[in-house]
Protein backbone atom coordinates (compact mmCIF):
# COMPACT_ATOMS: atom_id res chain seq x y z
CA UNK A 1 -9.86 -12.27 3.46
CA UNK A 2 -6.43 -11.19 4.54
CA UNK A 3 -6.10 -8.13 5.16
CA UNK A 4 -4.14 -5.96 2.67
CA UNK A 5 -0.77 -4.02 3.54
CA UNK A 6 -2.16 -0.69 2.08
CA UNK A 7 -1.77 1.54 5.19
CA UNK A 8 1.62 -0.56 4.98
CA UNK A 9 2.07 1.40 2.20
CA UNK A 10 0.31 4.71 2.18
CA UNK A 11 2.34 5.49 5.45
CA UNK A 12 5.47 4.47 4.24
CA UNK A 13 5.21 7.19 1.06
CA UNK A 14 2.75 9.47 3.33
CA UNK A 15 4.88 12.37 3.19
CA UNK A 16 5.30 12.19 -1.09
CA UNK A 17 1.69 12.04 -0.85
CA UNK A 18 1.33 15.04 1.10
CA UNK A 19 3.51 17.29 -0.16
CA UNK A 20 2.11 16.41 -3.57
CA UNK A 21 -1.02 18.73 -1.61
CA UNK A 22 -3.08 15.43 -3.34
CA UNK A 23 -4.39 14.94 0.02
CA UNK A 24 -4.72 15.63 3.73
CA UNK A 25 -3.77 13.86 6.50
CA UNK A 26 -6.71 13.98 8.68
CA UNK A 27 -8.09 12.91 5.20
CA UNK A 28 -6.01 10.14 4.98
CA UNK A 29 -7.04 9.70 8.74
CA UNK A 30 -3.58 6.92 9.12
CA UNK A 31 -4.44 5.77 12.18
CA UNK A 32 -8.11 4.05 10.79
CA UNK A 33 -6.79 3.67 7.02
CA UNK A 34 -6.59 -0.08 7.17
CA UNK A 35 -9.50 -0.50 8.72
CA UNK A 36 -12.04 1.72 6.77
CA UNK A 37 -9.42 -0.26 3.78
CA UNK A 38 -10.41 -3.69 4.61
CA UNK A 39 -14.25 -2.89 5.39
CA UNK A 40 -15.19 -1.77 2.37
CA UNK A 41 -13.39 -4.25 0.44
CA UNK A 42 -15.70 -7.19 2.95
CA UNK A 43 -18.79 -5.35 2.54
CA UNK A 44 -18.41 -4.95 -1.81
CA UNK A 45 -16.78 -8.18 -1.23
CA UNK A 46 -14.20 -6.99 -3.82
CA UNK A 47 -10.61 -8.31 -4.01
CA UNK A 48 -7.27 -5.86 -3.24
CA UNK A 49 -4.02 -7.10 -5.92
CA UNK A 50 -0.73 -5.68 -4.11
CA UNK A 51 2.61 -4.83 -5.99
CA UNK A 52 4.26 -8.21 -6.80
CA UNK A 53 7.54 -7.06 -6.88
CA UNK A 54 10.44 -10.04 -8.64
CA UNK A 55 14.40 -9.30 -8.50
CA UNK A 56 16.69 -11.68 -9.95
CA UNK A 57 20.60 -12.17 -8.56
CA UNK A 58 23.56 -13.33 -11.31
CA UNK A 59 26.83 -13.67 -11.55
CA UNK A 60 29.36 -12.95 -14.66
CA UNK A 61 30.35 -15.86 -15.98
CA UNK A 62 34.28 -16.99 -14.92
CA UNK A 63 36.76 -15.09 -17.61
């Protein structure tokens, strides 16, 4: 299994998470979050499906 990028996402939005009061910095423990997530996924043979991003680019036709 490949490692997920979930801890990277959590790190990026951690200030918002903390500001919302959902959890504390100690509970998240960002320094070990990726290790803990991967260990739990390996131990339970679970899957992680990250966010999918799609983009399109277009130009209007010439007039």
